[in-house]
C-alpha atoms as a PDB file:
ATOM      1  CA  MET A   1      24.072-105.106  44.057  1.00  0.00           C
ATOM      2  CA  ARG A   2      21.883-101.339  46.428  1.00  0.00           C
ATOM      3  CA  ILE A   3      23.623 -99.456  44.492  1.00  0.00           C
ATOM      4  CA  ALA A   4      22.589-101.195  40.803  1.00  0.00           C
ATOM      5  CA  LYS A   5      18.823-101.226  41.587  1.00  0.00           C
ATOM      6  CA  LEU A   6      19.061 -97.521  42.359  1.00  0.00           C
ATOM      7  CA  ILE A   7      20.895 -96.507  39.418  1.00  0.00           C
ATOM      8  CA  ALA A   8      18.507 -98.892  37.002  1.00  0.00           C
ATOM      9  CA  ALA A   9      15.554 -96.717  39.604  1.00  0.00           C
ATOM     10  CA  ILE A  10      16.356 -93.784  38.772  1.00  0.00           C
ATOM     11  CA  ALA A  11      17.333 -94.476  35.390  1.00  0.00           C
ATOM     12  CA  ALA A  12      13.418 -95.914  35.251  1.00  0.00           C
ATOM     13  CA  VAL A  13      11.750 -92.357  35.829  1.00  0.00           C
ATOM     14  CA  LEU A  14      14.198 -90.768  33.941  1.00  0.00           C
ATOM     15  CA  MET A  15      12.685 -92.557  31.060  1.00  0.00           C
ATOM     16  CA  THR A  16       9.095 -92.366  32.023  1.00  0.00           C
ATOM     17  CA  VAL A  17       9.472 -88.368  32.599  1.00  0.00           C
ATOM     18  CA  VAL A  18      11.412 -87.728  29.351  1.00  0.00           C
ATOM     19  CA  GLY A  19       8.420 -90.176  27.502  1.00  0.00           C
ATOM     20  CA  CYS A  20       5.805 -87.860  28.835  1.00  0.00           C
ATOM     21  CA  GLN A  21       7.372 -85.135  27.985  1.00  0.00           C
ATOM     22  CA  SER A  22       7.788 -86.138  24.542  1.00  0.00           C
ATOM     23  CA  ALA A  23       4.231 -87.567  24.792  1.00  0.00           C
ATOM     24  CA  ASN A  24       2.645 -84.401  25.335  1.00  0.00           C
ATOM     25  CA  ALA A  25       4.993 -81.644  23.169  1.00  0.00           C
ATOM     26  CA  PRO A  26       2.233 -80.476  20.982  1.00  0.00           C
ATOM     27  CA  SER A  27       2.695 -80.607  16.958  1.00  0.00           C
ATOM     28  CA  PRO A  28       2.848 -77.958  15.133  1.00  0.00           C
ATOM     29  CA  SER A  29      -0.617 -77.382  13.752  1.00  0.00           C
ATOM     30  CA  ALA A  30      -1.297 -76.649   9.630  1.00  0.00           C
ATOM     31  CA  THR A  31      -1.720 -72.877   8.966  1.00  0.00           C
ATOM     32  CA  LEU A  32      -3.677 -71.976   5.814  1.00  0.00           C
ATOM     33  CA  ILE A  33      -1.635 -69.640   2.771  1.00  0.00           C
ATOM     34  CA  ALA A  34      -4.586 -70.109   0.616  1.00  0.00           C
ATOM     35  CA  SER A  35      -7.301 -71.549  -0.558  1.00  0.00           C
ATOM     36  CA  GLY A  36     -10.219 -70.641  -2.905  1.00  0.00           C
ATOM     37  CA  THR A  37     -11.739 -71.641  -5.990  1.00  0.00           C
ATOM     38  CA  PHE A  38     -11.394 -68.761  -8.849  1.00  0.00           C
ATOM     39  CA  ASN A  39     -10.504 -67.810 -12.003  1.00  0.00           C
ATOM     40  CA  ALA A  40      -7.251 -65.912 -12.713  1.00  0.00           C
ATOM     41  CA  LYS A  41      -5.802 -64.620 -15.934  1.00  0.00           C
ATOM     42  CA  GLY A  42      -8.472 -66.710 -17.537  1.00  0.00           C
ATOM     43  CA  GLY A  43      -7.632 -69.973 -15.999  1.00  0.00           C
ATOM     44  CA  ASP A  44     -10.224 -71.948 -13.666  1.00  0.00           C
ATOM     45  CA  VAL A  45      -7.912 -72.222  -9.881  1.00  0.00           C
ATOM     46  CA  ASP A  46      -8.268 -74.547  -6.819  1.00  0.00           C
ATOM     47  CA  LEU A  47      -6.080 -73.691  -4.416  1.00  0.00           C
ATOM     48  CA  ASN A  48      -5.053 -75.191  -0.973  1.00  0.00           C
ATOM     49  CA  ALA A  49      -1.791 -74.407   0.493  1.00  0.00           C
ATOM     50  CA  THR A  50      -0.780 -75.133   4.160  1.00  0.00           C
ATOM     51  CA  ARG A  51       2.028 -74.615   6.264  1.00  0.00           C
ATOM     52  CA  THR A  52       3.420 -76.679   9.442  1.00  0.00           C
ATOM     53  CA  GLY A  53       6.517 -75.554  10.703  1.00  0.00           C
ATOM     54  CA  ASP A  54       8.783 -74.914   7.600  1.00  0.00           C
ATOM     55  CA  ARG A  55       7.106 -77.544   5.519  1.00  0.00           C
ATOM     56  CA  VAL A  56       4.684 -76.771   2.647  1.00  0.00           C
ATOM     57  CA  THR A  57       1.529 -78.919   0.762  1.00  0.00           C
ATOM     58  CA  GLY A  58      -1.477 -78.638  -1.278  1.00  0.00           C
ATOM     59  CA  THR A  59      -2.011 -78.599  -4.394  1.00  0.00           C
ATOM     60  CA  MET A  60      -2.452 -75.747  -6.943  1.00  0.00           C
ATOM     61  CA  THR A  61      -5.059 -76.997 -10.599  1.00  0.00           C
ATOM     62  CA  VAL A  62      -5.672 -74.640 -13.220  1.00  0.00           C
ATOM     63  CA  ASP A  63      -7.716 -75.408 -16.627  1.00  0.00           C
ATOM     64  CA  HIS A  64      -7.180 -72.770 -18.826  1.00  0.00           C
ATOM     65  CA  GLY A  65      -8.454 -72.959 -22.592  1.00  0.00           C
ATOM     66  CA  ASP A  66      -4.677 -73.998 -23.831  1.00  0.00           C
ATOM     67  CA  GLY A  67      -5.154 -76.666 -21.568  1.00  0.00           C
ATOM     68  CA  ALA A  68      -4.527 -78.113 -17.950  1.00  0.00           C
ATOM     69  CA  PHE A  69      -2.302 -78.476 -15.251  1.00  0.00           C
ATOM     70  CA  THR A  70      -1.813 -79.368 -11.461  1.00  0.00           C
ATOM     71  CA  VAL A  71       1.651 -78.051  -9.491  1.00  0.00           C
ATOM     72  CA  ASP A  72       2.599 -80.114  -5.885  1.00  0.00           C
ATOM     73  CA  LEU A  73       3.016 -77.220  -3.414  1.00  0.00           C
ATOM     74  CA  GLN A  74       6.017 -77.108  -1.679  1.00  0.00           C
ATOM     75  CA  CYS A  75       7.003 -73.364  -1.012  1.00  0.00           C
ATOM     76  CA  SER A  76       6.357 -70.408  -0.324  1.00  0.00           C
ATOM     77  CA  ARG A  77       6.921 -66.639   0.675  1.00  0.00           C
ATOM     78  CA  THR A  78       5.629 -63.224   0.959  1.00  0.00           C
ATOM     79  CA  ALA A  79       7.043 -60.179  -0.449  1.00  0.00           C
ATOM     80  CA  GLN A  80       7.887 -56.520   1.363  1.00  0.00           C
ATOM     81  CA  ASP A  81       5.172 -55.467  -0.196  1.00  0.00           C
ATOM     82  CA  GLY A  82       2.250 -58.307   0.762  1.00  0.00           C
ATOM     83  CA  ARG A  83       2.397 -60.248  -2.010  1.00  0.00           C
ATOM     84  CA  VAL A  84       2.101 -64.205  -1.171  1.00  0.00           C
ATOM     85  CA  LEU A  85       3.761 -66.572  -3.653  1.00  0.00           C
ATOM     86  CA  ILE A  86       3.023 -70.372  -3.821  1.00  0.00           C
ATOM     87  CA  GLY A  87       5.072 -72.362  -5.896  1.00  0.00           C
ATOM     88  CA  GLY A  88       5.756 -76.339  -6.358  1.00  0.00           C
ATOM     89  CA  ASP A  89       6.451 -78.947  -8.972  1.00  0.00           C
ATOM     90  CA  THR A  90       3.590 -79.339 -12.004  1.00  0.00           C
ATOM     91  CA  THR A  91       3.234 -82.749 -11.855  1.00  0.00           C
ATOM     92  CA  VAL A  92       0.715 -83.234 -14.734  1.00  0.00           C
ATOM     93  CA  SER A  93       0.252 -81.003 -17.902  1.00  0.00           C
ATOM     94  CA  THR A  94      -1.482 -80.851 -21.059  1.00  0.00           C
ATOM     95  CA  SER A  95      -0.277 -77.173 -20.529  1.00  0.00           C
ATOM     96  CA  PRO A  96       1.595 -74.726 -23.063  1.00  0.00           C
ATOM     97  CA  TYR A  97       3.442 -73.242 -20.060  1.00  0.00           C
ATOM     98  CA  ALA A  98       3.478 -75.376 -17.195  1.00  0.00           C
ATOM     99  CA  THR A  99       5.459 -77.778 -18.472  1.00  0.00           C
ATOM    100  CA  LYS A 100       4.963 -80.948 -16.167  1.00  0.00           C
ATOM    101  CA  GLY A 101       8.717 -81.537 -13.714  1.00  0.00           C
ATOM    102  CA  ASN A 102       9.113 -77.759 -13.427  1.00  0.00           C
ATOM    103  CA  ARG A 103       8.767 -75.468 -11.406  1.00  0.00           C
ATOM    104  CA  THR A 104       5.493 -73.224 -11.453  1.00  0.00           C
ATOM    105  CA  ALA A 105       3.678 -70.446  -9.054  1.00  0.00           C
ATOM    106  CA  ILE A 106       0.819 -68.404  -8.131  1.00  0.00           C
ATOM    107  CA  VAL A 107       1.265 -64.663  -7.474  1.00  0.00           C
ATOM    108  CA  LEU A 108      -1.237 -63.254  -4.994  1.00  0.00           C
ATOM    109  CA  LYS A 109      -1.917 -59.623  -3.826  1.00  0.00           C
ATOM    110  CA  PRO A 110      -4.376 -58.682  -0.912  1.00  0.00           C
ATOM    111  CA  GLY A 111      -6.863 -57.101  -1.387  1.00  0.00           C
ATOM    112  CA  THR A 112     -10.625 -56.834  -2.589  1.00  0.00           C
ATOM    113  CA  PRO A 113     -10.735 -58.118  -4.841  1.00  0.00           C
ATOM    114  CA  VAL A 114      -7.286 -59.945  -4.541  1.00  0.00           C
ATOM    115  CA  HIS A 115      -4.855 -59.493  -7.417  1.00  0.00           C
ATOM    116  CA  ALA A 116      -3.364 -63.484  -8.974  1.00  0.00           C
ATOM    117  CA  VAL A 117      -0.727 -64.010 -11.850  1.00  0.00           C
ATOM    118  CA  PHE A 118       1.072 -67.095 -12.660  1.00  0.00           C
ATOM    119  CA  ALA A 119       5.049 -67.345 -13.382  1.00  0.00           C
ATOM    120  CA  PHE A 120       6.378 -70.450 -14.545  1.00  0.00           C
ATOM    121  CA  GLU A 121       9.748 -72.073 -14.816  1.00  0.00           C
ATOM    122  CA  ASP A 122      11.394 -73.048 -18.123  1.00  0.00           C
ATOM    123  CA  ALA A 123      14.174 -74.923 -18.323  1.00  0.00           C
ATOM    124  CA  ARG A 124      14.039 -74.289 -21.826  1.00  0.00           C
ATOM    125  CA  PHE A 125      15.182 -70.860 -21.488  1.00  0.00           C
ATOM    126  CA  ALA A 126      17.252 -71.055 -18.034  1.00  0.00           C
ATOM    127  CA  SER A 127      18.572 -73.039 -15.750  1.00  0.00           C
ATOM    128  CA  ARG A 128      15.998 -74.984 -13.341  1.00  0.00           C
ATOM    129  CA  ALA A 129      15.952 -73.069  -9.473  1.00  0.00           C
ATOM    130  CA  ALA A 130      18.484 -75.239  -6.741  1.00  0.00           C
ATOM    131  CA  SER A 131      15.309 -75.087  -5.256  1.00  0.00           C
ATOM    132  CA  CYS A 132      12.078 -74.669  -4.881  1.00  0.00           C
ATOM    133  CA  THR A 133      12.153 -71.611  -2.144  1.00  0.00           C
ATOM    134  CA  ALA A 134      15.074 -70.303  -4.446  1.00  0.00           C
ATOM    135  CA  PHE A 135      12.025 -70.050  -7.069  1.00  0.00           C
ATOM    136  CA  LEU A 136      10.498 -67.642  -5.759  1.00  0.00           C
ATOM    137  CA  ASP A 137      13.168 -65.727  -4.040  1.00  0.00           C
ATOM    138  CA  GLY A 138      14.065 -65.323  -7.607  1.00  0.00           C
ATOM    139  CA  MET A 139      10.980 -63.977  -8.456  1.00  0.00           C
ATOM    140  CA  VAL A 140      10.661 -61.348  -4.689  1.00  0.00           C
ATOM    141  CA  ASP A 141      14.103 -59.783  -6.377  1.00  0.00           C
ATOM    142  CA  ARG A 142      12.443 -59.455  -9.837  1.00  0.00           C
ATOM    143  CA  ALA A 143       9.528 -57.489  -8.015  1.00  0.00           C
ATOM    144  CA  SER A 144       9.244 -54.990 -10.742  1.00  0.00           C
ATOM    145  CA  ALA A 145       9.786 -57.322 -14.221  1.00  0.00           C
ATOM    146  CA  SER A 146       6.955 -57.569 -15.919  1.00  0.00           C
ATOM    147  CA  VAL A 147       6.257 -60.831 -15.189  1.00  0.00           C
ATOM    148  CA  ILE A 148       5.469 -60.657 -11.703  1.00  0.00           C
ATOM    149  CA  GLY A 149       4.998 -56.654 -11.540  1.00  0.00           C
ATOM    150  CA  PRO A 150       2.479 -54.415 -10.063  1.00  0.00           C
ATOM    151  CA  ASP A 151       1.236 -54.304 -14.149  1.00  0.00           C
ATOM    152  CA  ALA A 152       1.072 -58.674 -14.044  1.00  0.00           C
ATOM    153  CA  LEU A 153      -1.600 -58.678 -11.394  1.00  0.00           C
ATOM    154  CA  GLU A 154      -4.882 -58.654 -12.409  1.00  0.00           C
ATOM    155  CA  PRO A 155      -8.107 -58.855 -10.721  1.00  0.00           C
ATOM    156  CA  ILE A 156      -9.366 -62.753  -9.881  1.00  0.00           C
ATOM    157  CA  GLU A 157     -13.110 -63.957 -10.350  1.00  0.00           C
ATOM    158  CA  GLY A 158     -14.342 -65.395  -6.830  1.00  0.00           C
ATOM    159  CA  THR A 159     -12.990 -66.477  -3.961  1.00  0.00           C
ATOM    160  CA  VAL A 160      -9.300 -66.686  -2.272  1.00  0.00           C
ATOM    161  CA  LYS A 161      -9.007 -66.508   1.622  1.00  0.00           C
ATOM    162  CA  LEU A 162      -5.009 -65.947   1.892  1.00  0.00           C
ATOM    163  CA  GLY A 163      -3.668 -66.976   5.875  1.00  0.00           C
ATOM    164  CA  PRO A 164      -2.602 -64.616   8.546  1.00  0.00           C
END
């Protein structure tokens, strides 16, 4: 009987210690990837992307003369040359470039001014990337391609803040 009470007491103390450690464990805080309101490639852009651990969240809305689109941001990559790629699924679109349900990304090259270009997944011509990350990785691998190469990036007008 005494041993059972002792085991129960030890278990209660351990549960309290473990509970306190769990409650005091810091939760990861969101860090900025990119945020701003600017004009890029002729489109008015409102961008807000953050990262919490491995999870990317945020939205990008673009209003262009040919239509508008909204992207639910889900992934990002930084290329060796410093370009920041941020992508996700297009959720709303009246644009012929960003098709609803396909992935869209913005590529930002730090500098003064920041340079940018959009990249669009088009399932009519190629199979859909297996994931948002695979979509961006494919662009990083094709860094010299005209769609995201140095010649495709144009200076933005406005302000964008890039995270660390």
